[in-house]
PDB file of N, CA and C in Angstrom:
ATOM      1  N   VAL A   1     125.241 162.100 113.584  1.00  0.00           N
ATOM      2  CA  VAL A   1     124.780 163.083 112.623  1.00  0.00           C
ATOM      3  C   VAL A   1     125.633 162.969 111.370  1.00  0.00           C
ATOM      4  N   VAL A   2     124.978 162.988 110.227  1.00  0.00           N
ATOM      5  CA  VAL A   2     125.665 162.984 108.940  1.00  0.00           C
ATOM      6  C   VAL A   2     125.649 164.409 108.419  1.00  0.00           C
ATOM      7  N   GLN A   3     126.793 164.939 108.045  1.00  0.00           N
ATOM      8  CA  GLN A   3     126.877 166.313 107.593  1.00  0.00           C
ATOM      9  C   GLN A   3     127.089 166.329 106.087  1.00  0.00           C
ATOM     10  N   LEU A   4     126.261 167.087 105.376  1.00  0.00           N
ATOM     11  CA  LEU A   4     126.326 167.188 103.924  1.00  0.00           C
ATOM     12  C   LEU A   4     126.758 168.595 103.520  1.00  0.00           C
ATOM     13  N   ASN A   5     127.629 168.697 102.568  1.00  0.00           N
ATOM     14  CA  ASN A   5     128.070 169.983 102.022  1.00  0.00           C
ATOM     15  C   ASN A   5     128.520 170.980 103.086  1.00  0.00           C
ATOM     16  N   GLY A   6     128.992 170.487 104.203  1.00  0.00           N
ATOM     17  CA  GLY A   6     129.515 171.365 105.232  1.00  0.00           C
ATOM     18  C   GLY A   6     128.488 172.029 106.107  1.00  0.00           C
ATOM     19  N   SER A   7     127.190 171.969 105.764  1.00  0.00           N
ATOM     20  CA  SER A   7     126.229 172.679 106.602  1.00  0.00           C
ATOM     21  C   SER A   7     124.958 171.874 106.887  1.00  0.00           C
ATOM     22  N   ALA A   8     124.381 171.246 105.894  1.00  0.00           N
ATOM     23  CA  ALA A   8     123.135 170.498 106.108  1.00  0.00           C
ATOM     24  C   ALA A   8     123.425 169.253 106.938  1.00  0.00           C
ATOM     25  N   GLN A   9     122.507 168.906 107.824  1.00  0.00           N
ATOM     26  CA  GLN A   9     122.693 167.745 108.682  1.00  0.00           C
ATOM     27  C   GLN A   9     121.465 166.843 108.636  1.00  0.00           C
ATOM     28  N   LEU A  10     121.737 165.547 108.687  1.00  0.00           N
ATOM     29  CA  LEU A  10     120.681 164.542 108.793  1.00  0.00           C
ATOM     30  C   LEU A  10     120.968 163.701 110.030  1.00  0.00           C
ATOM     31  N   PRO A  11     119.935 163.238 110.712  1.00  0.00           N
ATOM     32  CA  PRO A  11     120.208 162.388 111.874  1.00  0.00           C
ATOM     33  C   PRO A  11     120.781 161.041 111.421  1.00  0.00           C
ATOM     34  N   ALA A  12     121.743 160.544 112.164  1.00  0.00           N
ATOM     35  CA  ALA A  12     122.288 159.228 111.882  1.00  0.00           C
ATOM     36  C   ALA A  12     121.271 158.179 112.320  1.00  0.00           C
ATOM     37  N   VAL A  13     121.184 157.110 111.591  1.00  0.00           N
ATOM     38  CA  VAL A  13     120.244 156.048 111.920  1.00  0.00           C
ATOM     39  C   VAL A  13     121.051 154.845 112.382  1.00  0.00           C
ATOM     40  N   ASP A  14     120.777 154.388 113.597  1.00  0.00           N
ATOM     41  CA  ASP A  14     121.511 153.241 114.130  1.00  0.00           C
ATOM     42  C   ASP A  14     120.759 151.935 113.920  1.00  0.00           C
ATOM     43  N   GLY A  15     119.635 151.965 113.251  1.00  0.00           N
ATOM     44  CA  GLY A  15     118.850 150.771 113.007  1.00  0.00           C
ATOM     45  C   GLY A  15     117.677 150.632 113.953  1.00  0.00           C
ATOM     46  N   SER A  16     117.742 151.280 115.114  1.00  0.00           N
ATOM     47  CA  SER A  16     116.663 151.148 116.095  1.00  0.00           C
ATOM     48  C   SER A  16     115.381 151.819 115.625  1.00  0.00           C
ATOM     49  N   GLN A  17     115.486 152.743 114.691  1.00  0.00           N
ATOM     50  CA  GLN A  17     114.315 153.455 114.219  1.00  0.00           C
ATOM     51  C   GLN A  17     113.712 152.825 112.961  1.00  0.00           C
ATOM     52  N   LEU A  18     114.346 151.791 112.448  1.00  0.00           N
ATOM     53  CA  LEU A  18     113.828 151.124 111.262  1.00  0.00           C
ATOM     54  C   LEU A  18     112.803 150.081 111.674  1.00  0.00           C
ATOM     55  N   THR A  19     111.633 150.132 111.074  1.00  0.00           N
ATOM     56  CA  THR A  19     110.587 149.161 111.393  1.00  0.00           C
ATOM     57  C   THR A  19     110.004 148.603 110.111  1.00  0.00           C
ATOM     58  N   GLY A  20     109.413 147.453 110.212  1.00  0.00           N
ATOM     59  CA  GLY A  20     108.734 146.864 109.067  1.00  0.00           C
ATOM     60  C   GLY A  20     109.674 146.320 108.009  1.00  0.00           C
ATOM     61  N   ILE A  21     110.948 146.145 108.342  1.00  0.00           N
ATOM     62  CA  ILE A  21     111.908 145.628 107.377  1.00  0.00           C
ATOM     63  C   ILE A  21     112.182 144.170 107.722  1.00  0.00           C
ATOM     64  N   VAL A  22     111.946 143.306 106.770  1.00  0.00           N
ATOM     65  CA  VAL A  22     112.150 141.886 106.984  1.00  0.00           C
ATOM     66  C   VAL A  22     113.127 141.388 105.922  1.00  0.00           C
ATOM     67  N   ALA A  23     114.165 140.707 106.351  1.00  0.00           N
ATOM     68  CA  ALA A  23     115.111 140.142 105.403  1.00  0.00           C
ATOM     69  C   ALA A  23     114.417 139.046 104.613  1.00  0.00           C
ATOM     70  N   ALA A  24     114.602 139.056 103.310  1.00  0.00           N
ATOM     71  CA  ALA A  24     113.999 138.032 102.468  1.00  0.00           C
ATOM     72  C   ALA A  24     114.649 136.688 102.761  1.00  0.00           C
ATOM     73  N   SER A  25     113.824 135.675 102.895  1.00  0.00           N
ATOM     74  CA  SER A  25     114.372 134.343 103.122  1.00  0.00           C
ATOM     75  C   SER A  25     114.386 133.573 101.812  1.00  0.00           C
ATOM     76  N   ALA A  26     115.256 132.601 101.759  1.00  0.00           N
ATOM     77  CA  ALA A  26     115.362 131.785 100.561  1.00  0.00           C
ATOM     78  C   ALA A  26     114.228 130.765 100.535  1.00  0.00           C
ATOM     79  N   THR A  27     113.754 130.460  99.355  1.00  0.00           N
ATOM     80  CA  THR A  27     112.760 129.414  99.177  1.00  0.00           C
ATOM     81  C   THR A  27     113.458 128.065  99.308  1.00  0.00           C
ATOM     82  N   TYR A  28     112.902 127.176 100.109  1.00  0.00           N
ATOM     83  CA  TYR A  28     113.490 125.855 100.359  1.00  0.00           C
ATOM     84  C   TYR A  28     112.948 124.848  99.356  1.00  0.00           C
ATOM     85  N   GLU A  29     113.856 124.041  98.812  1.00  0.00           N
ATOM     86  CA  GLU A  29     113.432 122.999  97.886  1.00  0.00           C
ATOM     87  C   GLU A  29     114.358 121.794  98.009  1.00  0.00           C
ATOM     88  N   SER A  30     113.774 120.596  98.066  1.00  0.00           N
ATOM     89  CA  SER A  30     114.548 119.350  98.081  1.00  0.00           C
ATOM     90  C   SER A  30     114.722 118.857  96.653  1.00  0.00           C
ATOM     91  N   LYS A  31     115.906 118.287  96.386  1.00  0.00           N
ATOM     92  CA  LYS A  31     116.187 117.761  95.046  1.00  0.00           C
ATOM     93  C   LYS A  31     116.865 116.406  95.163  1.00  0.00           C
ATOM     94  N   SER A  32     116.558 115.517  94.215  1.00  0.00           N
ATOM     95  CA  SER A  32     117.224 114.218  94.162  1.00  0.00           C
ATOM     96  C   SER A  32     117.506 113.806  92.719  1.00  0.00           C
ATOM     97  N   ALA A  33     117.417 114.770  91.799  1.00  0.00           N
ATOM     98  CA  ALA A  33     117.734 114.545  90.387  1.00  0.00           C
ATOM     99  C   ALA A  33     118.337 115.837  89.841  1.00  0.00           C
ATOM    100  N   ASN A  34     118.939 115.785  88.659  1.00  0.00           N
ATOM    101  CA  ASN A  34     119.541 116.977  88.047  1.00  0.00           C
ATOM    102  C   ASN A  34     118.508 118.102  87.964  1.00  0.00           C
ATOM    103  N   PHE A  35     118.974 119.349  88.124  1.00  0.00           N
ATOM    104  CA  PHE A  35     118.051 120.488  88.080  1.00  0.00           C
ATOM    105  C   PHE A  35     118.780 121.766  87.709  1.00  0.00           C
ATOM    106  N   THR A  36     118.007 122.766  87.314  1.00  0.00           N
ATOM    107  CA  THR A  36     118.522 124.111  87.073  1.00  0.00           C
ATOM    108  C   THR A  36     118.123 124.959  88.273  1.00  0.00           C
ATOM    109  N   ALA A  37     119.101 125.575  88.895  1.00  0.00           N
ATOM    110  CA  ALA A  37     118.878 126.359  90.113  1.00  0.00           C
ATOM    111  C   ALA A  37     118.337 127.748  89.790  1.00  0.00           C
ATOM    112  N   SER A  38     117.711 128.350  90.777  1.00  0.00           N
ATOM    113  CA  SER A  38     117.213 129.724  90.687  1.00  0.00           C
ATOM    114  C   SER A  38     117.757 130.525  91.856  1.00  0.00           C
ATOM    115  N   VAL A  39     117.907 131.832  91.660  1.00  0.00           N
ATOM    116  CA  VAL A  39     118.389 132.684  92.745  1.00  0.00           C
ATOM    117  C   VAL A  39     117.341 132.754  93.851  1.00  0.00           C
ATOM    118  N   ASP A  40     117.806 133.066  95.047  1.00  0.00           N
ATOM    119  CA  ASP A  40     116.976 133.184  96.239  1.00  0.00           C
ATOM    120  C   ASP A  40     116.363 131.847  96.657  1.00  0.00           C
ATOM    121  N   TYR A  41     117.075 130.749  96.343  1.00  0.00           N
ATOM    122  CA  TYR A  41     116.642 129.412  96.741  1.00  0.00           C
ATOM    123  C   TYR A  41     117.703 128.754  97.610  1.00  0.00           C
ATOM    124  N   HIS A  42     117.233 127.875  98.489  1.00  0.00           N
ATOM    125  CA  HIS A  42     118.106 126.974  99.248  1.00  0.00           C
ATOM    126  C   HIS A  42     117.731 125.568  98.815  1.00  0.00           C
ATOM    127  N   TYR A  43     118.703 124.838  98.269  1.00  0.00           N
ATOM    128  CA  TYR A  43     118.469 123.483  97.787  1.00  0.00           C
ATOM    129  C   TYR A  43     119.089 122.475  98.745  1.00  0.00           C
ATOM    130  N   SER A  44     118.270 121.556  99.225  1.00  0.00           N
ATOM    131  CA  SER A  44     118.721 120.439 100.037  1.00  0.00           C
ATOM    132  C   SER A  44     118.740 119.233  99.107  1.00  0.00           C
ATOM    133  N   VAL A  45     119.939 118.705  98.848  1.00  0.00           N
ATOM    134  CA  VAL A  45     120.102 117.711  97.791  1.00  0.00           C
ATOM    135  C   VAL A  45     120.446 116.338  98.379  1.00  0.00           C
ATOM    136  N   SER A  46     119.723 115.332  97.915  1.00  0.00           N
ATOM    137  CA  SER A  46     120.005 113.943  98.259  1.00  0.00           C
ATOM    138  C   SER A  46     120.619 113.277  97.028  1.00  0.00           C
ATOM    139  N   ALA A  47     121.857 112.832  97.167  1.00  0.00           N
ATOM    140  CA  ALA A  47     122.556 112.187  96.050  1.00  0.00           C
ATOM    141  C   ALA A  47     122.830 110.727  96.382  1.00  0.00           C
ATOM    142  N   THR A  48     121.833 110.044  96.912  1.00  0.00           N
ATOM    143  CA  THR A  48     122.012 108.643  97.276  1.00  0.00           C
ATOM    144  C   THR A  48     121.910 107.712  96.074  1.00  0.00           C
ATOM    145  N   SER A  49     121.228 108.159  95.007  1.00  0.00           N
ATOM    146  CA  SER A  49     121.029 107.301  93.830  1.00  0.00           C
ATOM    147  C   SER A  49     122.052 107.536  92.726  1.00  0.00           C
ATOM    148  N   GLY A  50     122.855 108.556  92.831  1.00  0.00           N
ATOM    149  CA  GLY A  50     123.851 108.883  91.812  1.00  0.00           C
ATOM    150  C   GLY A  50     124.234 110.340  91.913  1.00  0.00           C
ATOM    151  N   ASN A  51     125.234 110.748  91.133  1.00  0.00           N
ATOM    152  CA  ASN A  51     125.643 112.149  91.123  1.00  0.00           C
ATOM    153  C   ASN A  51     124.485 113.023  90.669  1.00  0.00           C
ATOM    154  N   ILE A  52     124.388 114.201  91.252  1.00  0.00           N
ATOM    155  CA  ILE A  52     123.375 115.188  90.873  1.00  0.00           C
ATOM    156  C   ILE A  52     124.102 116.394  90.308  1.00  0.00           C
ATOM    157  N   THR A  53     123.609 116.921  89.186  1.00  0.00           N
ATOM    158  CA  THR A  53     124.159 118.144  88.610  1.00  0.00           C
ATOM    159  C   THR A  53     123.146 119.273  88.779  1.00  0.00           C
ATOM    160  N   ALA A  54     123.610 120.373  89.370  1.00  0.00           N
ATOM    161  CA  ALA A  54     122.813 121.591  89.490  1.00  0.00           C
ATOM    162  C   ALA A  54     123.421 122.620  88.551  1.00  0.00           C
ATOM    163  N   THR A  55     122.636 123.104  87.607  1.00  0.00           N
ATOM    164  CA  THR A  55     123.103 124.114  86.666  1.00  0.00           C
ATOM    165  C   THR A  55     122.661 125.488  87.155  1.00  0.00           C
ATOM    166  N   LEU A  56     123.617 126.405  87.242  1.00  0.00           N
ATOM    167  CA  LEU A  56     123.321 127.763  87.703  1.00  0.00           C
ATOM    168  C   LEU A  56     122.680 128.580  86.595  1.00  0.00           C
ATOM    169  N   PRO A  57     121.874 129.581  86.954  1.00  0.00           N
ATOM    170  CA  PRO A  57     121.342 130.479  85.933  1.00  0.00           C
ATOM    171  C   PRO A  57     122.454 131.356  85.371  1.00  0.00           C
ATOM    172  N   ALA A  58     122.276 131.850  84.162  1.00  0.00           N
ATOM    173  CA  ALA A  58     123.266 132.738  83.543  1.00  0.00           C
ATOM    174  C   ALA A  58     123.409 134.007  84.374  1.00  0.00           C
ATOM    175  N   LEU A  59     124.644 134.475  84.485  1.00  0.00           N
ATOM    176  CA  LEU A  59     124.913 135.702  85.245  1.00  0.00           C
ATOM    177  C   LEU A  59     124.267 136.926  84.615  1.00  0.00           C
ATOM    178  N   SER A  60     124.211 136.957  83.286  1.00  0.00           N
ATOM    179  CA  SER A  60     123.639 138.123  82.598  1.00  0.00           C
ATOM    180  C   SER A  60     122.181 138.279  83.005  1.00  0.00           C
ATOM    181  N   GLY A  61     121.813 139.482  83.319  1.00  0.00           N
ATOM    182  CA  GLY A  61     120.447 139.773  83.706  1.00  0.00           C
ATOM    183  C   GLY A  61     120.173 139.648  85.198  1.00  0.00           C
ATOM    184  N   LEU A  62     121.139 139.133  85.964  1.00  0.00           N
ATOM    185  CA  LEU A  62     120.957 139.037  87.412  1.00  0.00           C
ATOM    186  C   LEU A  62     121.645 140.207  88.097  1.00  0.00           C
ATOM    187  N   GLY A  63     121.041 140.708  89.136  1.00  0.00           N
ATOM    188  CA  GLY A  63     121.657 141.776  89.917  1.00  0.00           C
ATOM    189  C   GLY A  63     122.757 141.241  90.815  1.00  0.00           C
ATOM    190  N   ASN A  64     123.805 142.016  90.993  1.00  0.00           N
ATOM    191  CA  ASN A  64     124.876 141.624  91.907  1.00  0.00           C
ATOM    192  C   ASN A  64     124.306 141.383  93.295  1.00  0.00           C
ATOM    193  N   GLY A  65     124.840 140.380  93.966  1.00  0.00           N
ATOM    194  CA  GLY A  65     124.410 140.068  95.314  1.00  0.00           C
ATOM    195  C   GLY A  65     123.347 138.990  95.410  1.00  0.00           C
ATOM    196  N   LYS A  66     122.755 138.594  94.298  1.00  0.00           N
ATOM    197  CA  LYS A  66     121.772 137.513  94.322  1.00  0.00           C
ATOM    198  C   LYS A  66     122.462 136.227  94.779  1.00  0.00           C
ATOM    199  N   GLN A  67     121.761 135.405  95.565  1.00  0.00           N
ATOM    200  CA  GLN A  67     122.386 134.228  96.162  1.00  0.00           C
ATOM    201  C   GLN A  67     121.629 132.947  95.834  1.00  0.00           C
ATOM    202  N   ILE A  68     122.391 131.855  95.862  1.00  0.00           N
ATOM    203  CA  ILE A  68     121.833 130.505  95.792  1.00  0.00           C
ATOM    204  C   ILE A  68     122.594 129.671  96.811  1.00  0.00           C
ATOM    205  N   ARG A  69     121.854 128.892  97.602  1.00  0.00           N
ATOM    206  CA  ARG A  69     122.489 128.033  98.603  1.00  0.00           C
ATOM    207  C   ARG A  69     122.245 126.571  98.255  1.00  0.00           C
ATOM    208  N   PHE A  70     123.264 125.755  98.490  1.00  0.00           N
ATOM    209  CA  PHE A  70     123.175 124.315  98.263  1.00  0.00           C
ATOM    210  C   PHE A  70     123.662 123.586  99.500  1.00  0.00           C
ATOM    211  N   LYS A  71     122.978 122.500  99.846  1.00  0.00           N
ATOM    212  CA  LYS A  71     123.449 121.616 100.912  1.00  0.00           C
ATOM    213  C   LYS A  71     123.316 120.187 100.397  1.00  0.00           C
ATOM    214  N   LEU A  72     124.420 119.461 100.436  1.00  0.00           N
ATOM    215  CA  LEU A  72     124.402 118.045 100.092  1.00  0.00           C
ATOM    216  C   LEU A  72     123.960 117.325 101.361  1.00  0.00           C
ATOM    217  N   TYR A  73     122.663 117.120 101.477  1.00  0.00           N
ATOM    218  CA  TYR A  73     122.100 116.641 102.734  1.00  0.00           C
ATOM    219  C   TYR A  73     122.521 115.216 103.046  1.00  0.00           C
ATOM    220  N   ASP A  74     122.282 114.312 102.126  1.00  0.00           N
ATOM    221  CA  ASP A  74     122.765 112.946 102.314  1.00  0.00           C
ATOM    222  C   ASP A  74     123.301 112.453 100.980  1.00  0.00           C
ATOM    223  N   ALA A  75     124.351 111.659 101.072  1.00  0.00           N
ATOM    224  CA  ALA A  75     125.016 111.324  99.819  1.00  0.00           C
ATOM    225  C   ALA A  75     125.903 110.111  99.926  1.00  0.00           C
ATOM    226  N   THR A  76     125.874 109.359  98.876  1.00  0.00           N
ATOM    227  CA  THR A  76     126.920 108.388  98.598  1.00  0.00           C
ATOM    228  C   THR A  76     127.624 108.855  97.346  1.00  0.00           C
ATOM    229  N   ASN A  77     127.032 109.884  96.731  1.00  0.00           N
ATOM    230  CA  ASN A  77     127.532 110.445  95.485  1.00  0.00           C
ATOM    231  C   ASN A  77     127.716 111.948  95.652  1.00  0.00           C
ATOM    232  N   ASP A  78     128.020 112.634  94.555  1.00  0.00           N
ATOM    233  CA  ASP A  78     128.390 114.049  94.596  1.00  0.00           C
ATOM    234  C   ASP A  78     127.289 114.960  94.074  1.00  0.00           C
ATOM    235  N   LEU A  79     127.364 116.222  94.489  1.00  0.00           N
ATOM    236  CA  LEU A  79     126.574 117.293  93.892  1.00  0.00           C
ATOM    237  C   LEU A  79     127.547 118.143  93.091  1.00  0.00           C
ATOM    238  N   VAL A  80     127.363 118.176  91.775  1.00  0.00           N
ATOM    239  CA  VAL A  80     128.228 118.943  90.883  1.00  0.00           C
ATOM    240  C   VAL A  80     127.470 120.194  90.469  1.00  0.00           C
ATOM    241  N   ILE A  81     128.036 121.358  90.799  1.00  0.00           N
ATOM    242  CA  ILE A  81     127.406 122.643  90.470  1.00  0.00           C
ATOM    243  C   ILE A  81     128.128 123.203  89.254  1.00  0.00           C
ATOM    244  N   THR A  82     127.370 123.470  88.193  1.00  0.00           N
ATOM    245  CA  THR A  82     127.971 123.955  86.944  1.00  0.00           C
ATOM    246  C   THR A  82     127.354 125.287  86.541  1.00  0.00           C
ATOM    247  N   PRO A  83     128.177 126.253  86.194  1.00  0.00           N
ATOM    248  CA  PRO A  83     127.665 127.542  85.718  1.00  0.00           C
ATOM    249  C   PRO A  83     127.105 127.410  84.301  1.00  0.00           C
ATOM    250  N   ALA A  84     126.306 128.357  83.922  1.00  0.00           N
ATOM    251  CA  ALA A  84     125.763 128.399  82.560  1.00  0.00           C
ATOM    252  C   ALA A  84     126.824 128.933  81.597  1.00  0.00           C
ATOM    253  N   GLY A  85     126.845 128.401  80.391  1.00  0.00           N
ATOM    254  CA  GLY A  85     127.729 128.898  79.339  1.00  0.00           C
ATOM    255  C   GLY A  85     129.172 129.022  79.776  1.00  0.00           C
ATOM    256  N   SER A  86     129.750 130.196  79.597  1.00  0.00           N
ATOM    257  CA  SER A  86     131.152 130.433  79.955  1.00  0.00           C
ATOM    258  C   SER A  86     131.295 131.081  81.338  1.00  0.00           C
ATOM    259  N   ASP A  87     130.206 131.179  82.088  1.00  0.00           N
ATOM    260  CA  ASP A  87     130.276 131.704  83.457  1.00  0.00           C
ATOM    261  C   ASP A  87     131.166 130.798  84.303  1.00  0.00           C
ATOM    262  N   THR A  88     131.650 131.323  85.425  1.00  0.00           N
ATOM    263  CA  THR A  88     132.506 130.542  86.316  1.00  0.00           C
ATOM    264  C   THR A  88     132.075 130.722  87.772  1.00  0.00           C
ATOM    265  N   ILE A  89     132.602 129.857  88.609  1.00  0.00           N
ATOM    266  CA  ILE A  89     132.434 129.941  90.061  1.00  0.00           C
ATOM    267  C   ILE A  89     133.821 130.240  90.628  1.00  0.00           C
ATOM    268  N   ASP A  90     134.059 131.481  91.001  1.00  0.00           N
ATOM    269  CA  ASP A  90     135.394 131.897  91.457  1.00  0.00           C
ATOM    270  C   ASP A  90     136.479 131.410  90.494  1.00  0.00           C
ATOM    271  N   GLY A  91     136.208 131.529  89.199  1.00  0.00           N
ATOM    272  CA  GLY A  91     137.171 131.149  88.167  1.00  0.00           C
ATOM    273  C   GLY A  91     137.136 129.683  87.774  1.00  0.00           C
ATOM    274  N   LEU A  92     136.350 128.877  88.471  1.00  0.00           N
ATOM    275  CA  LEU A  92     136.270 127.443  88.187  1.00  0.00           C
ATOM    276  C   LEU A  92     135.120 127.136  87.235  1.00  0.00           C
ATOM    277  N   THR A  93     135.272 126.085  86.444  1.00  0.00           N
ATOM    278  CA  THR A  93     134.213 125.698  85.507  1.00  0.00           C
ATOM    279  C   THR A  93     133.136 124.841  86.168  1.00  0.00           C
ATOM    280  N   SER A  94     133.390 124.346  87.368  1.00  0.00           N
ATOM    281  CA  SER A  94     132.380 123.642  88.161  1.00  0.00           C
ATOM    282  C   SER A  94     132.873 123.577  89.608  1.00  0.00           C
ATOM    283  N   TYR A  95     131.965 123.208  90.491  1.00  0.00           N
ATOM    284  CA  TYR A  95     132.322 123.055  91.907  1.00  0.00           C
ATOM    285  C   TYR A  95     131.568 121.841  92.415  1.00  0.00           C
ATOM    286  N   THR A  96     132.256 120.959  93.142  1.00  0.00           N
ATOM    287  CA  THR A  96     131.651 119.711  93.574  1.00  0.00           C
ATOM    288  C   THR A  96     131.609 119.604  95.094  1.00  0.00           C
ATOM    289  N   LEU A  97     130.414 119.283  95.611  1.00  0.00           N
ATOM    290  CA  LEU A  97     130.253 118.945  97.020  1.00  0.00           C
ATOM    291  C   LEU A  97     130.295 117.425  97.115  1.00  0.00           C
ATOM    292  N   THR A  98     131.131 116.906  98.014  1.00  0.00           N
ATOM    293  CA  THR A  98     131.346 115.462  98.080  1.00  0.00           C
ATOM    294  C   THR A  98     130.973 114.835  99.422  1.00  0.00           C
ATOM    295  N   ASN A  99     130.861 115.644 100.446  1.00  0.00           N
ATOM    296  CA  ASN A  99     130.620 115.119 101.796  1.00  0.00           C
ATOM    297  C   ASN A  99     129.206 115.407 102.269  1.00  0.00           C
ATOM    298  N   PRO A 100     128.544 114.421 102.882  1.00  0.00           N
ATOM    299  CA  PRO A 100     127.219 114.674 103.444  1.00  0.00           C
ATOM    300  C   PRO A 100     127.265 115.852 104.420  1.00  0.00           C
ATOM    301  N   LYS A 101     126.245 116.663 104.368  1.00  0.00           N
ATOM    302  CA  LYS A 101     126.059 117.863 105.203  1.00  0.00           C
ATOM    303  C   LYS A 101     126.932 119.048 104.759  1.00  0.00           C
ATOM    304  N   GLN A 102     127.703 118.883 103.690  1.00  0.00           N
ATOM    305  CA  GLN A 102     128.520 119.987 103.155  1.00  0.00           C
ATOM    306  C   GLN A 102     127.587 120.983 102.470  1.00  0.00           C
ATOM    307  N   SER A 103     127.910 122.275 102.584  1.00  0.00           N
ATOM    308  CA  SER A 103     127.067 123.294 101.965  1.00  0.00           C
ATOM    309  C   SER A 103     127.916 124.409 101.371  1.00  0.00           C
ATOM    310  N   ILE A 104     127.270 125.198 100.508  1.00  0.00           N
ATOM    311  CA  ILE A 104     127.936 126.326  99.863  1.00  0.00           C
ATOM    312  C   ILE A 104     126.881 127.377  99.528  1.00  0.00           C
ATOM    313  N   THR A 105     127.264 128.627  99.649  1.00  0.00           N
ATOM    314  CA  THR A 105     126.423 129.734  99.198  1.00  0.00           C
ATOM    315  C   THR A 105     127.165 130.428  98.068  1.00  0.00           C
ATOM    316  N   LEU A 106     126.491 130.629  96.956  1.00  0.00           N
ATOM    317  CA  LEU A 106     127.065 131.336  95.815  1.00  0.00           C
ATOM    318  C   LEU A 106     126.381 132.684  95.678  1.00  0.00           C
ATOM    319  N   VAL A 107     127.184 133.710  95.432  1.00  0.00           N
ATOM    320  CA  VAL A 107     126.689 135.072  95.306  1.00  0.00           C
ATOM    321  C   VAL A 107     127.066 135.591  93.926  1.00  0.00           C
ATOM    322  N   LYS A 108     126.105 136.197  93.232  1.00  0.00           N
ATOM    323  CA  LYS A 108     126.375 136.760  91.907  1.00  0.00           C
ATOM    324  C   LYS A 108     127.259 137.986  92.083  1.00  0.00           C
ATOM    325  N   GLY A 109     128.474 137.908  91.592  1.00  0.00           N
ATOM    326  CA  GLY A 109     129.411 139.024  91.659  1.00  0.00           C
ATOM    327  C   GLY A 109     129.455 139.774  90.339  1.00  0.00           C
ATOM    328  N   ALA A 110     130.393 140.687  90.233  1.00  0.00           N
ATOM    329  CA  ALA A 110     130.516 141.502  89.023  1.00  0.00           C
ATOM    330  C   ALA A 110     130.920 140.667  87.815  1.00  0.00           C
ATOM    331  N   ASN A 111     131.734 139.611  88.040  1.00  0.00           N
ATOM    332  CA  ASN A 111     132.260 138.848  86.913  1.00  0.00           C
ATOM    333  C   ASN A 111     131.968 137.363  86.947  1.00  0.00           C
ATOM    334  N   ASP A 112     131.627 136.826  88.111  1.00  0.00           N
ATOM    335  CA  ASP A 112     131.331 135.396  88.208  1.00  0.00           C
ATOM    336  C   ASP A 112     130.552 135.104  89.482  1.00  0.00           C
ATOM    337  N   TRP A 113     130.206 133.828  89.680  1.00  0.00           N
ATOM    338  CA  TRP A 113     129.598 133.410  90.935  1.00  0.00           C
ATOM    339  C   TRP A 113     130.719 133.360  91.973  1.00  0.00           C
ATOM    340  N   GLU A 114     130.509 134.018  93.089  1.00  0.00           N
ATOM    341  CA  GLU A 114     131.503 134.043  94.150  1.00  0.00           C
ATOM    342  C   GLU A 114     131.075 133.113  95.277  1.00  0.00           C
ATOM    343  N   ILE A 115     132.049 132.355  95.790  1.00  0.00           N
ATOM    344  CA  ILE A 115     131.782 131.485  96.921  1.00  0.00           C
ATOM    345  C   ILE A 115     131.771 132.335  98.183  1.00  0.00           C
ATOM    346  N   PHE A 116     130.699 132.229  98.948  1.00  0.00           N
ATOM    347  CA  PHE A 116     130.533 133.028 100.151  1.00  0.00           C
ATOM    348  C   PHE A 116     130.943 132.235 101.360  1.00  0.00           C
TER     349      PHE A 116
END
C-alpha cells in the first residue's frame, strides 16, 4: 500500500496486474558502409571491406533514455562511432569497436551519450 498525505491510500502494484504492456523492441538493420544512426535501432555492422563510421544523431531534441545498439558482427576493420557536433560518448569524441562480435549500447543521457 502506498500512503499519500498521511491518510489516502493506493494499492501497491507488483506488476502482476499490468496487462497489455509490451516493451518496445529496436528495429534491426544491417550495415556495411558509413551511415547515420537513429535511436531505437540495433545495427549489425560488417566491416570486412574497410572501416565503417556510424554518426550518432544530435543529442538536442532527443529524450533522455533513448538507445542505439551497435554490434560489429564481422570485421577485419573497425566500426568508429562518432557523435554529432560537439556531443560526446561518455566524454569521448569517438568510440571504436575493433573485435568481431563486440557490441555496445548507447543511451542518451542528460549531457552526453552514455555507454550502457
